[in-house]
Amino acid sequence: MINMGTEPQWLQEKRKEAESLLDELPDETVRYVVIPASKPADSKDHDSGYAAAIVQHDSQTEIRLPEGIAGKIVVKNIQDALQDEKLAAYFEEPKSRQSAANIAFFNSGVFIFVPDNTVVEEPVYHVMAVGEQASVVSRNIIVAGKNSKVKIIKEITGKGEGQYSEVTVIKAMEQSAIELLSVQNLDKANACIKRHASCEAGSLLDMRTAFFGSENTYARNEIDLDGEGAETSTTDIYFGTGTQKFDSFSLVNHKARNTRSRSDVRGALKDLAKLAPHGNVKIEKQAHGSDAFLTEHILILNAGAEADPVPALEIETRDVKAGHSASVSHMGEEQVFYLLARGIDEPEARKMIALGFLEPAMKMAESLRMHVMSKIEQKWDEKR
């Protein structure tokens, strides 16, 4: 739980200010989901045995970095890191009840800092385990210094019907490269996952997330390409079954010349699952030479599933390349028949078609890619 007595004065003031706004700010919602602005509550059960660099279980954090990483980067529990008042710059004024609640009540999170001119060859593994009936409010800060490079692999997992709220603030300094690969693998807990990134000149941010779990998920990516030549690529994969609902919103702000973005949402929906991806690319007046493309493609596997993709472009200048593509398609019976004619039974044929549809989005580390594929196969026959 939160121990206000050990926190610096600036953070206590930010918490109080955010809590005072809870009744004034609107809920953050897109189409299907409103995630409550929750307060934290730890689970009584604490699993152990994760072989990872960073393990969070509810509000508890254990950091065990391999020797090859420990001497290169700084990783701290977020409460310890925020003793440094310089990190106040990573707290923006909240614009929704969910954002205000995250600042007011966060009780978990990590700070990852990669110094200038540091290349971390080994991935940094980060496990976030949500206990049964727990309510976790997590705030994370990732900073990559100039000319640095790091890959972070994160898994959000847990049983039960609690709440998970995450805000991750990312800073990619000049000529740095950050690769953030994530799997949301919760059971039934409601999930609100928000990531806000700022990318300086010549930097690269690559974020890829696979969403499988949670009954209700709201995901938001907001990326500011602040420096000339900054580049980002985001991929969100959704596989929904039962009565799962997913809302996602992405916003890429091209604020400087010759910036580049690629945003890709790809989902497959089964049973009564619903997905509403809303993507927006904004190219500001001064961002000449920008190059942007946004795609949202969803495959409906049976009657009852529903999708509502809404891509949008806001272009305030000339001399740019920008486009978007969106589709909602149903599984073609011709494809199914083709596989049946080759001796494959119908359930397996339909699964193969779904996996083939999602395959173009599987640009992940091989170990994580295989994990994602196996999770889709596992979920195929689950009853939610």
Protein backbone atom coordinates (compact mmCIF):
# COMPACT_ATOMS: atom_id res chain seq x y z
CA MET A 1 0.00 0.00 0.00
CA ILE A 2 1.00 3.66 -0.27
CA ASN A 3 3.19 5.02 2.51
CA MET A 4 2.80 8.79 2.17
CA GLY A 5 5.20 9.41 5.04
CA THR A 6 8.19 8.21 3.02
CA GLU A 7 7.36 10.13 -0.15
CA PRO A 8 8.88 13.51 -1.10
CA GLN A 9 6.74 16.59 -0.65
CA TRP A 10 6.37 17.24 -4.40
CA LEU A 11 4.85 13.79 -4.95
CA GLN A 12 2.47 14.09 -2.00
CA GLU A 13 1.22 17.37 -3.47
CA LYS A 14 0.73 15.83 -6.92
CA ARG A 15 -1.24 12.94 -5.40
CA LYS A 16 -3.54 15.30 -3.47
CA GLU A 17 -4.09 17.51 -6.52
CA ALA A 18 -4.94 14.51 -8.71
CA GLU A 19 -7.35 13.07 -6.12
CA SER A 20 -9.15 16.42 -5.90
CA LEU A 21 -9.85 16.21 -9.66
CA LEU A 22 -11.52 12.80 -9.59
CA ASP A 23 -15.06 14.17 -9.42
CA GLU A 24 -14.42 16.82 -12.10
CA LEU A 25 -12.76 14.84 -14.89
CA PRO A 26 -14.61 12.62 -17.40
CA ASP A 27 -14.20 8.87 -17.73
CA GLU A 28 -11.89 7.74 -20.50
CA THR A 29 -13.79 5.48 -22.87
CA VAL A 30 -13.99 4.74 -26.58
CA ARG A 31 -16.76 2.32 -27.48
CA TYR A 32 -17.30 -0.73 -25.32
CA VAL A 33 -15.37 -0.30 -22.08
CA VAL A 34 -15.28 2.04 -19.08
CA ILE A 35 -12.57 0.93 -16.65
CA PRO A 36 -13.19 2.25 -13.12
CA ALA A 37 -10.72 4.64 -11.52
CA SER A 38 -9.62 2.09 -8.95
CA LYS A 39 -7.69 2.26 -5.70
CA PRO A 40 -4.97 -0.27 -4.89
CA ALA A 41 -5.47 -3.38 -2.76
CA ASP A 42 -2.86 -6.11 -2.42
CA SER A 43 -3.65 -9.78 -2.75
CA LYS A 44 -2.96 -12.05 0.20
CA ASP A 45 -1.38 -14.60 -2.12
CA HIS A 46 2.14 -14.03 -3.41
CA ASP A 47 3.58 -16.31 -6.02
CA SER A 48 7.34 -16.69 -6.38
CA GLY A 49 9.84 -18.41 -8.60
CA TYR A 50 9.77 -16.13 -11.64
CA ALA A 51 13.17 -16.22 -13.35
CA ALA A 52 13.10 -12.63 -14.56
CA ALA A 53 15.07 -9.45 -14.09
CA ILE A 54 12.18 -7.49 -12.54
CA VAL A 55 9.30 -9.17 -10.72
CA GLN A 56 6.35 -7.17 -9.42
CA HIS A 57 3.60 -8.83 -7.43
CA ASP A 58 0.93 -6.31 -6.55
CA SER A 59 2.84 -3.53 -4.71
CA GLN A 60 5.95 -5.61 -4.03
CA THR A 61 8.94 -5.35 -6.35
CA GLU A 62 11.95 -7.64 -6.58
CA ILE A 63 14.86 -6.69 -8.83
CA ARG A 64 17.37 -9.37 -9.74
CA LEU A 65 19.37 -8.28 -12.76
CA PRO A 66 21.73 -10.69 -14.52
CA GLU A 67 25.38 -9.73 -14.31
CA GLY A 68 25.47 -8.66 -17.96
CA ILE A 69 22.74 -6.06 -17.34
CA ALA A 70 23.28 -5.00 -13.72
CA GLY A 71 26.38 -2.94 -14.44
CA LYS A 72 24.87 -1.11 -17.41
CA ILE A 73 21.45 0.20 -16.42
CA VAL A 74 19.62 1.58 -13.41
CA VAL A 75 16.46 -0.19 -12.25
CA LYS A 76 14.63 0.98 -9.12
CA ASN A 77 11.32 0.51 -7.40
CA ILE A 78 9.26 3.54 -8.50
CA GLN A 79 8.80 4.79 -4.93
CA ASP A 80 12.57 4.84 -4.40
CA ALA A 81 13.25 6.49 -7.76
CA LEU A 82 10.77 9.32 -7.13
CA GLN A 83 12.84 10.63 -4.26
CA ASP A 84 14.58 12.47 -7.13
CA GLU A 85 12.48 15.57 -7.84
CA LYS A 86 13.74 15.69 -11.44
CA LEU A 87 11.29 12.88 -12.21
CA ALA A 88 8.38 15.22 -11.52
CA ALA A 89 8.72 16.16 -15.21
CA TYR A 90 7.20 12.75 -16.05
CA PHE A 91 3.88 13.60 -14.37
CA GLU A 92 1.54 15.42 -16.73
CA GLU A 93 -1.69 17.08 -15.67
CA PRO A 94 -4.40 14.38 -15.80
CA LYS A 95 -7.16 14.72 -18.40
CA SER A 96 -9.40 11.85 -17.27
CA ARG A 97 -10.56 10.19 -14.05
CA GLN A 98 -8.41 7.14 -14.82
CA SER A 99 -5.27 9.27 -15.26
CA ALA A 100 -5.97 11.21 -12.07
CA ALA A 101 -6.56 8.00 -10.10
CA ASN A 102 -3.27 6.58 -11.34
CA ILE A 103 -1.33 9.56 -10.00
CA ALA A 104 -3.30 9.73 -6.76
CA PHE A 105 -3.15 6.05 -5.88
CA PHE A 106 -0.28 4.30 -7.69
CA ASN A 107 1.39 1.78 -5.36
CA SER A 108 3.58 -0.12 -7.79
CA GLY A 109 5.97 0.34 -10.68
CA VAL A 110 9.59 0.55 -11.78
CA PHE A 111 12.03 3.14 -13.07
CA ILE A 112 14.40 1.97 -15.84
CA PHE A 113 17.23 4.25 -16.96
CA VAL A 114 19.74 3.40 -19.69
CA PRO A 115 22.71 5.82 -19.58
CA ASP A 116 24.07 7.62 -22.66
CA ASN A 117 26.07 5.49 -25.13
CA THR A 118 24.96 2.23 -23.48
CA VAL A 119 23.89 -0.76 -25.57
CA VAL A 120 22.15 -3.53 -23.62
CA GLU A 121 22.37 -6.68 -25.72
CA GLU A 122 20.34 -8.93 -23.39
CA PRO A 123 16.59 -8.32 -22.99
CA VAL A 124 15.36 -6.92 -19.70
CA TYR A 125 12.53 -9.19 -18.50
CA HIS A 126 9.72 -7.62 -16.47
CA VAL A 127 6.92 -9.72 -14.93
CA MET A 128 3.88 -8.01 -13.41
CA ALA A 129 1.84 -10.54 -11.42
CA VAL A 130 -1.61 -9.44 -10.24
CA GLY A 131 -2.87 -11.45 -7.29
CA GLU A 132 -6.38 -12.82 -6.98
CA GLN A 133 -8.85 -10.07 -6.00
CA ALA A 134 -5.99 -7.53 -6.03
CA SER A 135 -6.26 -3.99 -7.37
CA VAL A 136 -2.91 -2.86 -8.76
CA VAL A 137 -2.20 0.74 -9.75
CA SER A 138 1.17 0.82 -11.51
CA ARG A 139 3.27 3.74 -12.72
CA ASN A 140 6.47 3.14 -14.68
CA ILE A 141 9.13 5.39 -16.21
CA ILE A 142 11.53 4.24 -18.95
CA VAL A 143 14.33 6.58 -20.06
CA ALA A 144 16.90 5.75 -22.76
CA GLY A 145 19.86 8.15 -22.87
CA LYS A 146 21.53 9.46 -26.01
CA ASN A 147 22.88 6.78 -28.39
CA SER A 148 21.62 3.98 -26.13
CA LYS A 149 19.73 0.80 -26.97
CA VAL A 150 17.54 -1.50 -24.87
CA LYS A 151 14.91 -4.23 -25.29
CA ILE A 152 12.31 -4.80 -22.57
CA ILE A 153 10.02 -7.85 -22.54
CA LYS A 154 7.04 -7.53 -20.21
CA GLU A 155 4.34 -9.99 -19.22
CA ILE A 156 1.27 -8.94 -17.25
CA THR A 157 -0.25 -12.03 -15.70
CA GLY A 158 -2.52 -13.10 -12.87
CA LYS A 159 -5.60 -15.02 -11.84
CA GLY A 160 -8.79 -13.64 -10.42
CA GLU A 161 -11.13 -10.72 -10.98
CA GLY A 162 -9.21 -7.71 -9.67
CA GLN A 163 -8.24 -4.44 -11.32
CA TYR A 164 -5.04 -3.50 -13.14
CA SER A 165 -4.23 0.12 -14.02
CA GLU A 166 -0.89 0.94 -15.68
CA VAL A 167 0.65 4.18 -16.88
CA THR A 168 4.09 3.92 -18.48
CA VAL A 169 5.95 7.10 -19.47
CA ILE A 170 8.75 6.61 -22.02
CA LYS A 171 11.53 9.00 -23.01
CA ALA A 172 13.73 8.15 -26.00
CA MET A 173 16.59 10.64 -26.17
CA GLU A 174 18.59 11.51 -29.30
CA GLN A 175 19.67 8.55 -31.44
CA SER A 176 18.40 6.02 -28.88
CA ALA A 177 16.42 2.84 -29.59
CA ILE A 178 13.79 1.29 -27.30
CA GLU A 179 12.04 -1.99 -28.05
CA LEU A 180 9.13 -2.78 -25.71
CA LEU A 181 7.43 -6.16 -26.20
CA SER A 182 4.43 -6.94 -24.00
CA VAL A 183 1.87 -9.67 -23.40
CA GLN A 184 -1.31 -8.93 -21.43
CA ASN A 185 -2.21 -12.34 -20.06
CA LEU A 186 -4.58 -11.58 -17.18
CA ASP A 187 -7.46 -13.86 -16.34
CA LYS A 188 -10.61 -11.81 -15.74
CA ALA A 189 -9.20 -8.66 -14.13
CA ASN A 190 -10.21 -5.38 -15.78
CA ALA A 191 -7.16 -3.76 -17.41
CA CYS A 192 -6.36 -0.14 -18.25
CA ILE A 193 -2.93 0.15 -19.93
CA LYS A 194 -1.71 3.56 -21.04
CA ARG A 195 1.69 4.40 -22.53
CA HIS A 196 2.89 7.90 -23.37
CA ALA A 197 6.19 8.33 -25.17
CA SER A 198 8.34 11.26 -26.26
CA CYS A 199 10.94 10.64 -28.98
CA GLU A 200 13.83 13.02 -29.63
CA ALA A 201 15.81 13.46 -32.86
CA GLY A 202 16.89 10.27 -34.60
CA SER A 203 15.39 7.98 -31.96
CA LEU A 204 13.44 4.78 -32.56
CA LEU A 205 10.59 3.42 -30.44
CA ASP A 206 9.22 -0.03 -31.31
CA MET A 207 6.24 -1.17 -29.19
CA ARG A 208 4.46 -4.47 -29.76
CA THR A 209 1.72 -5.76 -27.48
CA ALA A 210 -0.40 -8.91 -27.55
CA PHE A 211 -3.71 -8.67 -25.68
CA PHE A 212 -5.29 -11.95 -24.63
CA GLY A 213 -6.68 -11.66 -21.13
CA SER A 214 -9.06 -9.55 -19.06
CA GLU A 215 -12.82 -9.35 -19.43
CA ASN A 216 -12.57 -5.62 -20.18
CA THR A 217 -9.47 -3.91 -21.57
CA TYR A 218 -8.76 -0.28 -22.38
CA ALA A 219 -5.40 0.32 -24.09
CA ARG A 220 -3.99 3.69 -25.10
CA ASN A 221 -0.74 4.60 -26.87
CA GLU A 222 0.20 8.26 -27.26
CA ILE A 223 3.52 9.00 -28.96
CA ASP A 224 5.07 12.40 -29.62
CA LEU A 225 7.73 12.49 -32.35
CA ASP A 226 9.42 15.62 -31.04
CA GLY A 227 12.77 15.53 -32.84
CA GLU A 228 13.75 15.49 -36.51
CA GLY A 229 14.04 11.99 -37.91
CA ALA A 230 12.35 10.33 -34.91
CA GLU A 231 10.58 7.08 -35.76
CA THR A 232 8.04 4.80 -34.12
CA SER A 233 6.42 1.49 -34.94
CA THR A 234 3.54 0.08 -32.88
CA THR A 235 1.76 -3.24 -33.27
CA ASP A 236 -1.22 -4.33 -31.18
CA ILE A 237 -2.50 -7.90 -31.51
CA TYR A 238 -5.90 -8.86 -30.08
CA PHE A 239 -7.43 -12.31 -29.76
CA GLY A 240 -10.81 -12.22 -28.06
CA THR A 241 -13.11 -15.04 -27.01
CA GLY A 242 -16.21 -15.39 -24.85
CA THR A 243 -17.60 -11.99 -23.87
CA GLN A 244 -14.27 -10.12 -23.80
CA LYS A 245 -14.36 -6.43 -24.73
CA PHE A 246 -11.36 -4.41 -25.96
CA ASP A 247 -11.19 -0.68 -26.56
CA SER A 248 -7.97 0.79 -27.91
CA PHE A 249 -6.91 4.29 -28.82
CA SER A 250 -3.64 5.31 -30.45
CA LEU A 251 -2.37 8.78 -31.22
CA VAL A 252 0.90 9.59 -32.98
CA ASN A 253 1.84 13.27 -33.04
CA HIS A 254 4.36 14.19 -35.76
CA LYS A 255 5.87 17.38 -34.35
CA ALA A 256 9.15 17.57 -36.26
CA ARG A 257 10.47 17.22 -39.81
CA ASN A 258 11.15 13.88 -41.49
CA THR A 259 9.51 11.80 -38.76
CA ARG A 260 8.08 8.36 -39.51
CA SER A 261 5.35 6.22 -37.93
CA ARG A 262 3.74 2.86 -38.57
CA SER A 263 0.75 1.84 -36.43
CA ASP A 264 -0.78 -1.60 -36.92
CA VAL A 265 -3.76 -3.16 -35.13
CA ARG A 266 -4.71 -6.71 -35.98
CA GLY A 267 -7.35 -8.74 -34.17
CA ALA A 268 -9.31 -11.98 -34.37
CA LEU A 269 -12.62 -12.28 -32.51
CA LYS A 270 -14.52 -15.40 -31.52
CA ASP A 271 -17.82 -16.06 -29.74
CA LEU A 272 -19.25 -12.71 -28.48
CA ALA A 273 -15.96 -10.79 -28.23
CA LYS A 274 -15.84 -7.11 -29.21
CA LEU A 275 -12.97 -4.85 -30.32
CA ALA A 276 -12.97 -1.13 -31.09
CA PRO A 277 -9.59 0.20 -32.26
CA HIS A 278 -9.53 3.96 -32.80
CA GLY A 279 -6.29 5.25 -34.28
CA ASN A 280 -5.26 8.79 -35.06
CA VAL A 281 -2.16 10.26 -36.74
CA LYS A 282 -1.60 14.00 -36.51
CA ILE A 283 1.02 15.76 -38.64
CA GLU A 284 1.61 19.31 -37.41
CA LYS A 285 2.45 22.35 -39.55
CA GLN A 286 6.18 22.21 -38.98
CA ALA A 287 6.49 18.45 -39.61
CA HIS A 288 7.43 18.60 -43.32
CA GLY A 289 8.63 15.34 -44.87
CA SER A 290 6.75 13.13 -42.41
CA ASP A 291 5.75 9.61 -43.40
CA ALA A 292 2.85 7.89 -41.62
CA PHE A 293 0.63 4.87 -42.14
CA LEU A 294 -2.10 3.42 -39.91
CA THR A 295 -3.78 0.02 -40.35
CA GLU A 296 -6.62 -1.68 -38.46
CA HIS A 297 -7.68 -5.14 -39.64
CA ILE A 298 -10.03 -7.47 -37.76
CA LEU A 299 -11.19 -11.00 -38.58
CA ILE A 300 -14.62 -12.08 -37.31
CA LEU A 301 -14.62 -15.81 -36.67
CA ASN A 302 -18.35 -16.33 -36.08
CA ALA A 303 -21.68 -14.52 -35.82
CA GLY A 304 -21.95 -12.60 -32.55
CA ALA A 305 -18.44 -11.14 -32.50
CA GLU A 306 -18.24 -7.42 -33.28
CA ALA A 307 -15.60 -4.90 -34.40
CA ASP A 308 -15.63 -1.13 -34.93
CA PRO A 309 -12.32 0.19 -36.34
CA VAL A 310 -11.98 3.96 -36.81
CA PRO A 311 -8.71 5.20 -38.37
CA ALA A 312 -8.17 8.95 -38.78
CA LEU A 313 -5.57 11.37 -40.15
CA GLU A 314 -5.09 15.04 -39.24
CA ILE A 315 -2.67 16.70 -41.66
CA GLU A 316 -1.79 20.36 -41.21
CA THR A 317 0.98 20.67 -43.80
CA ARG A 318 2.01 19.63 -47.30
CA ASP A 319 5.02 17.60 -48.43
CA VAL A 320 4.10 14.51 -46.39
CA LYS A 321 3.16 10.89 -47.04
CA ALA A 322 0.22 9.60 -45.01
CA GLY A 323 -2.42 6.93 -45.36
CA HIS A 324 -4.61 4.48 -43.52
CA SER A 325 -6.31 1.17 -44.12
CA ALA A 326 -9.07 -0.60 -42.19
CA SER A 327 -11.15 -3.71 -42.69
CA VAL A 328 -13.53 -6.05 -40.89
CA SER A 329 -13.75 -9.41 -42.61
CA HIS A 330 -15.42 -12.73 -41.90
CA MET A 331 -13.73 -16.07 -42.16
CA GLY A 332 -14.19 -17.25 -45.72
CA GLU A 333 -15.91 -20.59 -46.12
CA GLU A 334 -13.85 -21.12 -49.28
CA GLN A 335 -10.70 -21.10 -47.16
CA VAL A 336 -12.25 -23.57 -44.73
CA PHE A 337 -13.35 -25.85 -47.57
CA TYR A 338 -9.87 -25.74 -49.12
CA LEU A 339 -8.33 -27.06 -45.90
CA LEU A 340 -11.09 -29.62 -45.34
CA ALA A 341 -10.40 -30.98 -48.80
CA ARG A 342 -6.81 -31.65 -47.70
CA GLY A 343 -7.78 -33.78 -44.74
CA ILE A 344 -7.77 -31.16 -41.97
CA ASP A 345 -10.75 -31.27 -39.63
CA GLU A 346 -12.95 -28.16 -39.40
CA PRO A 347 -11.97 -26.83 -35.91
CA GLU A 348 -8.27 -27.12 -36.78
CA ALA A 349 -8.86 -25.50 -40.18
CA ARG A 350 -10.56 -22.49 -38.61
CA LYS A 351 -7.77 -22.16 -36.04
CA MET A 352 -5.14 -22.27 -38.80
CA ILE A 353 -6.92 -19.50 -40.72
CA ALA A 354 -7.06 -17.30 -37.61
CA LEU A 355 -3.37 -17.86 -36.86
CA GLY A 356 -2.49 -17.12 -40.48
CA PHE A 357 -4.45 -13.84 -40.30
CA LEU A 358 -2.53 -12.73 -37.20
CA GLU A 359 0.86 -13.92 -38.46
CA PRO A 360 1.83 -10.64 -40.26
CA ALA A 361 1.69 -8.84 -36.91
CA MET A 362 3.99 -11.35 -35.16
CA LYS A 363 7.16 -9.28 -35.53
CA MET A 364 8.43 -10.26 -32.10
CA ALA A 365 11.44 -11.90 -30.54
CA GLU A 366 11.22 -15.58 -31.47
CA SER A 367 10.74 -16.76 -27.89
CA LEU A 368 7.90 -14.29 -27.32
CA ARG A 369 6.40 -14.98 -30.73
CA MET A 370 6.13 -18.69 -29.89
CA HIS A 371 4.58 -17.78 -26.53
CA VAL A 372 1.97 -15.63 -28.29
CA MET A 373 1.15 -18.37 -30.81
CA SER A 374 0.80 -21.00 -28.09
CA LYS A 375 -1.45 -18.70 -26.06
CA ILE A 376 -3.78 -18.25 -29.04
CA GLU A 377 -3.98 -22.01 -29.47
CA GLN A 378 -4.63 -22.46 -25.77
CA LYS A 379 -7.41 -19.86 -25.74
CA TRP A 380 -9.11 -21.28 -28.79
CA ASP A 381 -11.09 -23.88 -26.85
CA GLU A 382 -11.34 -22.06 -23.53
CA LYS A 383 -14.77 -21.29 -22.13
CA ARG A 384 -14.82 -17.79 -20.62
